[in-house]
Structures are given as C-alpha cells and as structure tokens.
Amino acid sequence: MIQHCRFLTQLKAGYPGSHVTLLIKKSLVDLMRGLADVVVSHLPGEAFDYQCPLMSLPYALGVRSVRELPSPLIFPHIKPYKPRVGGKPCVGLCWGGSPLNSNNTKRSIPRDKLFPLLESNNVYWFSYQRDTDLLTPGEKRRFHIYDTSEDTRAFEDTAHYLIQMDLCITVCTAVAHLAGSLGIPTWLLLSKPGHYLWGQHQETTPWYPSMTIMRQETPGDWETLISKVKTKLQNMF
C-alpha cells in the first residue's frame, strides 16, 4: 500500500479538477491524509465515476518502466514526536511482519538470531516490531533497546519515530516501505528467495533510493547475514 501511494500525486496532477477518494486500512488513514481529497477506511455511500485498485495505478497512468517512478518522498508533514536522543546514532530495527502473510515465517528473523547484532553498543537501538516475537522485558534491559510499540497505535505514529533514525534495519514488511518513503537510510534484510519486487541480485532498488538490500546466501541462514550486518554497522558508526 505505502509503496504505491506515490502514484496518487501523479493521478491528481494528470487529472486536474478530479476528486479522489482513497479507501485504505484504518491504521494508514492518518498517514495518508493529504494524498487524496478524502481518505477513508470504509466505503462511503456516494457513487463514483471511476475506480482503480491502488496497485494498478502505475498501469492506469501509463507507467511502463521503473525509470518512470515518481519520488517515494510523499510524507513531508511527518516531524519528530520527541527530541532526538543525543550521543550515539539511532538505529531502528524490525525483524518480523504480520503472521497473516503466507510467507511470514520465511521473511521474518527469529529474534534470538538478532542478539549478536544487538550486542553492538555503539548505537541506540529502537524496536519497531509489533504484535509477534516481541522482546521480553529482560531482553530490552539487556540490550538497552527502546520499544516504540508502546507509543505507536498507527502508521503515522511509527513514522514520527522513524523520521529520527540515522538508519533503519528491517525485513521485508511495511516498516521497510515506510522508512524508504521517508528517505531514511534503510538496510533491507531479505530471505532467499526474496519478494519479486526486489529483483534477484541487486543491492539497490529504484523504488527507494535510500535503501540497501542485503540478502541471505542460503535459504534459512540468518546467522551469516546478521554477521555481515553487524560488521557493516560497526564500519558505518
């Protein structure tokens, strides 16, 4: 959803005078306000002249190549919620997606596989994990990680925290798209095989210029990838 909302701006520009209603999940409504004339989570009673699935907008607008993609930076209204933590770089982390996704067990990293990475004490850690495989209170204390799920109820809340990050490390889930749409440096950790959207071997993506893709070499082997991420993080900060 977040990935394709950039095309709403192109739709409005291509059809001056049009009145666009965006039907979207309730948790995304506040984040998306301003991208359409009306943003709702339930279908209003009024009639429409045209309707189009959001993910079909590129085709409907004549986009035929990734070289024609609009900018992903569509949330200029997002500002930090709280004063930034000083002293060390701030790094956001999300290791799993919705269990309703049929590929979730493959794309998600069991949290204990992350412990070697979390031992890096040269950064401030922020967890953007929600609902499943959450860190225990003891693990939060051990790794000095701030759990943003305690303060976030919708994607706009999450965006206000993400915008403060120096880096976001995430698996293939909504947090990756949100961070990319905010222009935050993002390391996307992909299982093997990964989602078709990210190609086969590329380390970058035209969808999000601020994103770097890091891939499993062997299906299920998160340990090797996490070791590479830890080394890269230590070299960066």
C-alpha atoms as a PDB file:
ATOM      1  CA  MET A   1       0.000   0.000   0.000  1.00  0.00           C
ATOM      2  CA  ILE A   2       2.629   2.540   1.082  1.00  0.00           C
ATOM      3  CA  GLN A   3       4.774   1.702  -1.944  1.00  0.00           C
ATOM      4  CA  HIS A   4       2.054   2.653  -4.452  1.00  0.00           C
ATOM      5  CA  CYS A   5       0.583   5.710  -2.726  1.00  0.00           C
ATOM      6  CA  ARG A   6       3.182   7.858  -4.541  1.00  0.00           C
ATOM      7  CA  PHE A   7       1.058   7.445  -7.686  1.00  0.00           C
ATOM      8  CA  LEU A   8      -1.822   9.377  -6.110  1.00  0.00           C
ATOM      9  CA  THR A   9       0.146  12.590  -6.592  1.00  0.00           C
ATOM     10  CA  GLN A  10       0.641  11.703 -10.247  1.00  0.00           C
ATOM     11  CA  LEU A  11      -3.069  10.889 -10.577  1.00  0.00           C
ATOM     12  CA  LYS A  12      -4.106  14.268  -9.165  1.00  0.00           C
ATOM     13  CA  ALA A  13      -1.639  16.098 -11.399  1.00  0.00           C
ATOM     14  CA  GLY A  14      -2.795  14.229 -14.509  1.00  0.00           C
ATOM     15  CA  TYR A  15      -6.488  14.874 -13.900  1.00  0.00           C
ATOM     16  CA  PRO A  16      -6.921  18.459 -12.665  1.00  0.00           C
ATOM     17  CA  GLY A  17     -10.269  19.045 -11.007  1.00  0.00           C
ATOM     18  CA  SER A  18     -10.752  15.390 -10.136  1.00  0.00           C
ATOM     19  CA  HIS A  19     -11.994  14.400  -6.676  1.00  0.00           C
ATOM     20  CA  VAL A  20     -10.067  11.367  -5.429  1.00  0.00           C
ATOM     21  CA  THR A  21     -11.187   9.139  -2.567  1.00  0.00           C
ATOM     22  CA  LEU A  22      -8.637   6.680  -1.159  1.00  0.00           C
ATOM     23  CA  LEU A  23     -10.000   3.571   0.564  1.00  0.00           C
ATOM     24  CA  ILE A  24      -7.315   2.109   2.813  1.00  0.00           C
ATOM     25  CA  LYS A  25      -6.709   0.270   6.088  1.00  0.00           C
ATOM     26  CA  LYS A  26      -7.692   2.198   9.198  1.00  0.00           C
ATOM     27  CA  SER A  27      -4.128   2.119  10.548  1.00  0.00           C
ATOM     28  CA  LEU A  28      -2.946   4.019   7.437  1.00  0.00           C
ATOM     29  CA  VAL A  29      -5.641   6.705   7.264  1.00  0.00           C
ATOM     30  CA  ASP A  30      -3.857   9.430   9.259  1.00  0.00           C
ATOM     31  CA  LEU A  31      -0.553   8.836   7.455  1.00  0.00           C
ATOM     32  CA  MET A  32      -2.178   9.160   4.026  1.00  0.00           C
ATOM     33  CA  ARG A  33      -4.211  12.312   4.651  1.00  0.00           C
ATOM     34  CA  GLY A  34      -3.358  14.906   2.030  1.00  0.00           C
ATOM     35  CA  LEU A  35      -2.550  12.376  -0.695  1.00  0.00           C
ATOM     36  CA  ALA A  36      -6.197  12.310  -1.788  1.00  0.00           C
ATOM     37  CA  ASP A  37      -9.206  14.573  -1.330  1.00  0.00           C
ATOM     38  CA  VAL A  38     -10.785  12.030   1.016  1.00  0.00           C
ATOM     39  CA  VAL A  39      -9.028   9.185   2.854  1.00  0.00           C
ATOM     40  CA  VAL A  40     -11.288   6.598   4.487  1.00  0.00           C
ATOM     41  CA  SER A  41     -11.163   3.061   5.889  1.00  0.00           C
ATOM     42  CA  HIS A  42     -14.721   2.184   4.859  1.00  0.00           C
ATOM     43  CA  LEU A  43     -16.513   2.649   1.560  1.00  0.00           C
ATOM     44  CA  PRO A  44     -18.647   5.805   1.571  1.00  0.00           C
ATOM     45  CA  GLY A  45     -22.184   5.698   0.257  1.00  0.00           C
ATOM     46  CA  GLU A  46     -21.593   8.066  -2.651  1.00  0.00           C
ATOM     47  CA  ALA A  47     -21.262   6.849  -6.238  1.00  0.00           C
ATOM     48  CA  PHE A  48     -18.008   7.065  -8.194  1.00  0.00           C
ATOM     49  CA  ASP A  49     -17.357   7.652 -11.873  1.00  0.00           C
ATOM     50  CA  TYR A  50     -14.211   5.511 -11.845  1.00  0.00           C
ATOM     51  CA  GLN A  51     -12.453   3.127  -9.502  1.00  0.00           C
ATOM     52  CA  CYS A  52      -8.984   1.601  -9.625  1.00  0.00           C
ATOM     53  CA  PRO A  53      -7.065  -0.729  -7.297  1.00  0.00           C
ATOM     54  CA  LEU A  54      -4.121   1.168  -5.824  1.00  0.00           C
ATOM     55  CA  MET A  55      -1.550  -1.322  -7.120  1.00  0.00           C
ATOM     56  CA  SER A  56      -2.974  -0.956 -10.648  1.00  0.00           C
ATOM     57  CA  LEU A  57      -2.434   2.814 -10.730  1.00  0.00           C
ATOM     58  CA  PRO A  58       1.001   2.603 -12.409  1.00  0.00           C
ATOM     59  CA  TYR A  59      -0.513   0.768 -15.381  1.00  0.00           C
ATOM     60  CA  ALA A  60      -3.548   3.052 -15.497  1.00  0.00           C
ATOM     61  CA  LEU A  61      -1.241   6.089 -15.545  1.00  0.00           C
ATOM     62  CA  GLY A  62       0.926   4.701 -18.327  1.00  0.00           C
ATOM     63  CA  VAL A  63       3.992   3.896 -16.223  1.00  0.00           C
ATOM     64  CA  ARG A  64       5.865   1.140 -18.046  1.00  0.00           C
ATOM     65  CA  SER A  65       9.363   1.280 -16.555  1.00  0.00           C
ATOM     66  CA  VAL A  66      10.944   1.720 -13.128  1.00  0.00           C
ATOM     67  CA  ARG A  67      12.764   4.681 -14.684  1.00  0.00           C
ATOM     68  CA  GLU A  68       9.397   6.470 -14.661  1.00  0.00           C
ATOM     69  CA  LEU A  69       8.704   6.006 -10.937  1.00  0.00           C
ATOM     70  CA  PRO A  70       7.634   9.126  -9.016  1.00  0.00           C
ATOM     71  CA  SER A  71       9.582  10.095  -5.907  1.00  0.00           C
ATOM     72  CA  PRO A  72       8.746   7.995  -2.834  1.00  0.00           C
ATOM     73  CA  LEU A  73       9.069  11.064  -0.575  1.00  0.00           C
ATOM     74  CA  ILE A  74       5.348  11.711  -0.095  1.00  0.00           C
ATOM     75  CA  PHE A  75       5.101  12.467   3.637  1.00  0.00           C
ATOM     76  CA  PRO A  76       6.546  15.972   4.161  1.00  0.00           C
ATOM     77  CA  HIS A  77       4.175  16.526   7.099  1.00  0.00           C
ATOM     78  CA  ILE A  78       5.959  13.921   9.236  1.00  0.00           C
ATOM     79  CA  LYS A  79       8.029  15.532  12.002  1.00  0.00           C
ATOM     80  CA  PRO A  80       9.747  14.010  15.061  1.00  0.00           C
ATOM     81  CA  TYR A  81       7.483  13.305  18.040  1.00  0.00           C
ATOM     82  CA  LYS A  82      10.158  13.752  20.682  1.00  0.00           C
ATOM     83  CA  PRO A  83      13.555  15.460  20.930  1.00  0.00           C
ATOM     84  CA  ARG A  84      16.243  13.298  19.399  1.00  0.00           C
ATOM     85  CA  VAL A  85      18.406  11.187  21.694  1.00  0.00           C
ATOM     86  CA  GLY A  86      21.937  12.578  21.689  1.00  0.00           C
ATOM     87  CA  GLY A  87      25.349  10.980  21.873  1.00  0.00           C
ATOM     88  CA  LYS A  88      25.127   7.954  19.583  1.00  0.00           C
ATOM     89  CA  PRO A  89      23.454   7.159  16.240  1.00  0.00           C
ATOM     90  CA  CYS A  90      19.829   5.980  16.428  1.00  0.00           C
ATOM     91  CA  VAL A  91      19.056   2.698  14.643  1.00  0.00           C
ATOM     92  CA  GLY A  92      15.575   1.274  14.156  1.00  0.00           C
ATOM     93  CA  LEU A  93      15.016  -2.467  13.914  1.00  0.00           C
ATOM     94  CA  CYS A  94      12.104  -4.608  12.705  1.00  0.00           C
ATOM     95  CA  TRP A  95      12.568  -8.374  12.377  1.00  0.00           C
ATOM     96  CA  GLY A  96       9.112  -9.721  11.525  1.00  0.00           C
ATOM     97  CA  GLY A  97       5.894  -8.971   9.698  1.00  0.00           C
ATOM     98  CA  SER A  98       2.246  -9.891  10.035  1.00  0.00           C
ATOM     99  CA  PRO A  99       1.621 -13.583  10.761  1.00  0.00           C
ATOM    100  CA  LEU A 100      -1.290 -13.341   8.312  1.00  0.00           C
ATOM    101  CA  ASN A 101       1.224 -13.160   5.458  1.00  0.00           C
ATOM    102  CA  SER A 102       1.729 -16.619   3.949  1.00  0.00           C
ATOM    103  CA  ASN A 103       5.494 -16.020   3.639  1.00  0.00           C
ATOM    104  CA  ASN A 104       5.959 -14.558   7.105  1.00  0.00           C
ATOM    105  CA  THR A 105       7.922 -17.432   8.627  1.00  0.00           C
ATOM    106  CA  LYS A 106      10.489 -17.203   5.806  1.00  0.00           C
ATOM    107  CA  ARG A 107      10.825 -13.423   5.642  1.00  0.00           C
ATOM    108  CA  SER A 108      10.972 -12.928   9.433  1.00  0.00           C
ATOM    109  CA  ILE A 109      14.077 -13.341  11.588  1.00  0.00           C
ATOM    110  CA  PRO A 110      13.645 -15.200  14.907  1.00  0.00           C
ATOM    111  CA  ARG A 111      14.552 -12.575  17.482  1.00  0.00           C
ATOM    112  CA  ASP A 112      17.263 -14.687  19.132  1.00  0.00           C
ATOM    113  CA  LYS A 113      19.169 -14.623  15.815  1.00  0.00           C
ATOM    114  CA  LEU A 114      19.465 -10.849  16.291  1.00  0.00           C
ATOM    115  CA  PHE A 115      21.196 -10.989  19.667  1.00  0.00           C
ATOM    116  CA  PRO A 116      24.750 -10.846  18.222  1.00  0.00           C
ATOM    117  CA  LEU A 117      23.748  -7.669  16.356  1.00  0.00           C
ATOM    118  CA  LEU A 118      22.083  -6.121  19.399  1.00  0.00           C
ATOM    119  CA  GLU A 119      25.307  -6.550  21.353  1.00  0.00           C
ATOM    120  CA  SER A 120      26.669  -3.636  19.312  1.00  0.00           C
ATOM    121  CA  ASN A 121      26.679  -0.832  21.871  1.00  0.00           C
ATOM    122  CA  ASN A 122      27.886   1.938  19.561  1.00  0.00           C
ATOM    123  CA  VAL A 123      24.283   2.875  18.659  1.00  0.00           C
ATOM    124  CA  TYR A 124      20.934   3.484  20.343  1.00  0.00           C
ATOM    125  CA  TRP A 125      18.506   0.710  19.368  1.00  0.00           C
ATOM    126  CA  PHE A 126      14.793   1.295  18.694  1.00  0.00           C
ATOM    127  CA  SER A 127      12.414  -1.618  18.125  1.00  0.00           C
ATOM    128  CA  TYR A 128       9.649  -1.214  15.544  1.00  0.00           C
ATOM    129  CA  GLN A 129       8.455  -4.784  15.980  1.00  0.00           C
ATOM    130  CA  ARG A 130       4.755  -5.208  16.740  1.00  0.00           C
ATOM    131  CA  ASP A 131       2.396  -7.948  17.933  1.00  0.00           C
ATOM    132  CA  THR A 132       4.576 -11.067  17.463  1.00  0.00           C
ATOM    133  CA  ASP A 133       8.000 -12.325  18.636  1.00  0.00           C
ATOM    134  CA  LEU A 134       8.470  -9.267  20.826  1.00  0.00           C
ATOM    135  CA  LEU A 135      11.498  -8.796  23.049  1.00  0.00           C
ATOM    136  CA  THR A 136      10.969  -9.713  26.686  1.00  0.00           C
ATOM    137  CA  PRO A 137      11.429  -7.023  29.367  1.00  0.00           C
ATOM    138  CA  GLY A 138      14.708  -8.686  30.316  1.00  0.00           C
ATOM    139  CA  GLU A 139      15.966  -8.605  26.722  1.00  0.00           C
ATOM    140  CA  LYS A 140      15.075  -4.921  26.410  1.00  0.00           C
ATOM    141  CA  ARG A 141      17.120  -4.161  29.516  1.00  0.00           C
ATOM    142  CA  ARG A 142      19.994  -6.388  28.392  1.00  0.00           C
ATOM    143  CA  PHE A 143      20.341  -4.659  25.004  1.00  0.00           C
ATOM    144  CA  HIS A 144      19.162  -1.194  26.091  1.00  0.00           C
ATOM    145  CA  ILE A 145      16.555  -1.148  23.322  1.00  0.00           C
ATOM    146  CA  TYR A 146      13.608   1.260  23.258  1.00  0.00           C
ATOM    147  CA  ASP A 147      10.304  -0.371  22.293  1.00  0.00           C
ATOM    148  CA  THR A 148       8.329   2.101  20.150  1.00  0.00           C
ATOM    149  CA  SER A 149       5.270  -0.189  20.055  1.00  0.00           C
ATOM    150  CA  GLU A 150       4.352   1.155  23.488  1.00  0.00           C
ATOM    151  CA  ASP A 151       3.808   4.621  21.963  1.00  0.00           C
ATOM    152  CA  THR A 152       2.513   3.809  18.484  1.00  0.00           C
ATOM    153  CA  ARG A 153      -1.028   2.836  17.506  1.00  0.00           C
ATOM    154  CA  ALA A 154      -1.000   3.597  13.769  1.00  0.00           C
ATOM    155  CA  PHE A 155       1.495   4.074  10.945  1.00  0.00           C
ATOM    156  CA  GLU A 156       1.601   7.845  11.362  1.00  0.00           C
ATOM    157  CA  ASP A 157       2.830   7.351  14.950  1.00  0.00           C
ATOM    158  CA  THR A 158       5.518   4.977  13.682  1.00  0.00           C
ATOM    159  CA  ALA A 159       6.568   7.486  11.012  1.00  0.00           C
ATOM    160  CA  HIS A 160       7.084  10.223  13.621  1.00  0.00           C
ATOM    161  CA  TYR A 161       9.569   7.953  15.401  1.00  0.00           C
ATOM    162  CA  LEU A 162      11.225   6.603  12.238  1.00  0.00           C
ATOM    163  CA  ILE A 163      11.999  10.077  10.898  1.00  0.00           C
ATOM    164  CA  GLN A 164      14.517  10.496  13.753  1.00  0.00           C
ATOM    165  CA  MET A 165      16.537   7.398  12.855  1.00  0.00           C
ATOM    166  CA  ASP A 166      20.008   7.534  11.331  1.00  0.00           C
ATOM    167  CA  LEU A 167      19.388   4.043   9.971  1.00  0.00           C
ATOM    168  CA  CYS A 168      16.565   1.501   9.789  1.00  0.00           C
ATOM    169  CA  ILE A 169      17.334  -2.237   9.589  1.00  0.00           C
ATOM    170  CA  THR A 170      14.266  -4.248   8.645  1.00  0.00           C
ATOM    171  CA  VAL A 171      12.938  -7.347   6.950  1.00  0.00           C
ATOM    172  CA  CYS A 172      10.513  -7.158   4.020  1.00  0.00           C
ATOM    173  CA  THR A 173       7.487  -5.640   5.709  1.00  0.00           C
ATOM    174  CA  ALA A 174       5.589  -2.329   5.926  1.00  0.00           C
ATOM    175  CA  VAL A 175       8.336  -0.714   8.031  1.00  0.00           C
ATOM    176  CA  ALA A 176      10.725  -1.097   5.066  1.00  0.00           C
ATOM    177  CA  HIS A 177       8.348   0.787   2.775  1.00  0.00           C
ATOM    178  CA  LEU A 178       7.643   3.452   5.375  1.00  0.00           C
ATOM    179  CA  ALA A 179      11.337   4.073   6.042  1.00  0.00           C
ATOM    180  CA  GLY A 180      12.047   4.223   2.307  1.00  0.00           C
ATOM    181  CA  SER A 181       9.191   6.682   1.805  1.00  0.00           C
ATOM    182  CA  LEU A 182      10.683   8.919   4.491  1.00  0.00           C
ATOM    183  CA  GLY A 183      14.086   8.881   2.810  1.00  0.00           C
ATOM    184  CA  ILE A 184      15.767   7.224   5.793  1.00  0.00           C
ATOM    185  CA  PRO A 185      18.899   5.119   5.104  1.00  0.00           C
ATOM    186  CA  THR A 186      17.454   1.607   5.188  1.00  0.00           C
ATOM    187  CA  TRP A 187      19.021  -1.850   5.132  1.00  0.00           C
ATOM    188  CA  LEU A 188      16.510  -4.391   3.862  1.00  0.00           C
ATOM    189  CA  LEU A 189      17.300  -7.937   5.015  1.00  0.00           C
ATOM    190  CA  LEU A 190      15.886 -10.444   2.528  1.00  0.00           C
ATOM    191  CA  SER A 191      15.277 -14.152   2.832  1.00  0.00           C
ATOM    192  CA  LYS A 192      16.192 -16.391  -0.112  1.00  0.00           C
ATOM    193  CA  PRO A 193      14.256 -16.343  -2.357  1.00  0.00           C
ATOM    194  CA  GLY A 194      13.079 -12.775  -1.753  1.00  0.00           C
ATOM    195  CA  HIS A 195       9.954 -10.998  -2.934  1.00  0.00           C
ATOM    196  CA  TYR A 196       9.928 -10.384  -6.693  1.00  0.00           C
ATOM    197  CA  LEU A 197       9.741  -6.619  -6.097  1.00  0.00           C
ATOM    198  CA  TRP A 198      13.410  -6.527  -5.036  1.00  0.00           C
ATOM    199  CA  GLY A 199      14.818  -8.406  -8.037  1.00  0.00           C
ATOM    200  CA  GLN A 200      17.263 -11.301  -7.869  1.00  0.00           C
ATOM    201  CA  HIS A 201      20.707  -9.930  -7.061  1.00  0.00           C
ATOM    202  CA  GLN A 202      20.515  -6.139  -6.802  1.00  0.00           C
ATOM    203  CA  GLU A 203      21.800  -4.284  -3.756  1.00  0.00           C
ATOM    204  CA  THR A 204      19.742  -1.186  -4.575  1.00  0.00           C
ATOM    205  CA  THR A 205      16.193  -0.554  -5.777  1.00  0.00           C
ATOM    206  CA  PRO A 206      14.693   2.220  -7.905  1.00  0.00           C
ATOM    207  CA  TRP A 207      11.658   2.194  -5.638  1.00  0.00           C
ATOM    208  CA  TYR A 208      13.608   3.658  -2.706  1.00  0.00           C
ATOM    209  CA  PRO A 209      16.936   5.435  -3.401  1.00  0.00           C
ATOM    210  CA  SER A 210      17.854   5.421   0.312  1.00  0.00           C
ATOM    211  CA  MET A 211      17.589   1.610   0.571  1.00  0.00           C
ATOM    212  CA  THR A 212      20.346  -1.022   0.522  1.00  0.00           C
ATOM    213  CA  ILE A 213      19.377  -4.672   0.027  1.00  0.00           C
ATOM    214  CA  MET A 214      21.240  -7.381   1.943  1.00  0.00           C
ATOM    215  CA  ARG A 215      20.340 -10.967   1.040  1.00  0.00           C
ATOM    216  CA  GLN A 216      20.586 -14.444   2.504  1.00  0.00           C
ATOM    217  CA  GLU A 217      23.075 -16.579   0.591  1.00  0.00           C
ATOM    218  CA  THR A 218      21.386 -19.807   1.682  1.00  0.00           C
ATOM    219  CA  PRO A 219      17.665 -20.215   2.445  1.00  0.00           C
ATOM    220  CA  GLY A 220      17.082 -20.012   6.195  1.00  0.00           C
ATOM    221  CA  ASP A 221      20.617 -18.887   7.055  1.00  0.00           C
ATOM    222  CA  TRP A 222      20.107 -15.681   9.006  1.00  0.00           C
ATOM    223  CA  GLU A 223      23.262 -16.117  11.098  1.00  0.00           C
ATOM    224  CA  THR A 224      25.632 -15.375   8.206  1.00  0.00           C
ATOM    225  CA  LEU A 225      23.625 -12.362   7.093  1.00  0.00           C
ATOM    226  CA  ILE A 226      23.370 -10.936  10.615  1.00  0.00           C
ATOM    227  CA  SER A 227      27.147 -11.283  10.987  1.00  0.00           C
ATOM    228  CA  LYS A 228      27.609  -9.214   7.801  1.00  0.00           C
ATOM    229  CA  VAL A 229      25.122  -6.633   9.034  1.00  0.00           C
ATOM    230  CA  LYS A 230      26.979  -6.327  12.348  1.00  0.00           C
ATOM    231  CA  THR A 231      30.295  -5.770  10.568  1.00  0.00           C
ATOM    232  CA  LYS A 232      28.762  -3.225   8.217  1.00  0.00           C
ATOM    233  CA  LEU A 233      27.164  -1.392  11.153  1.00  0.00           C
ATOM    234  CA  GLN A 234      30.462  -1.249  13.062  1.00  0.00           C
ATOM    235  CA  ASN A 235      32.215   0.138   9.988  1.00  0.00           C
ATOM    236  CA  MET A 236      29.490   2.733   9.457  1.00  0.00           C
ATOM    237  CA  PHE A 237      29.372   4.101  13.002  1.00  0.00           C
END
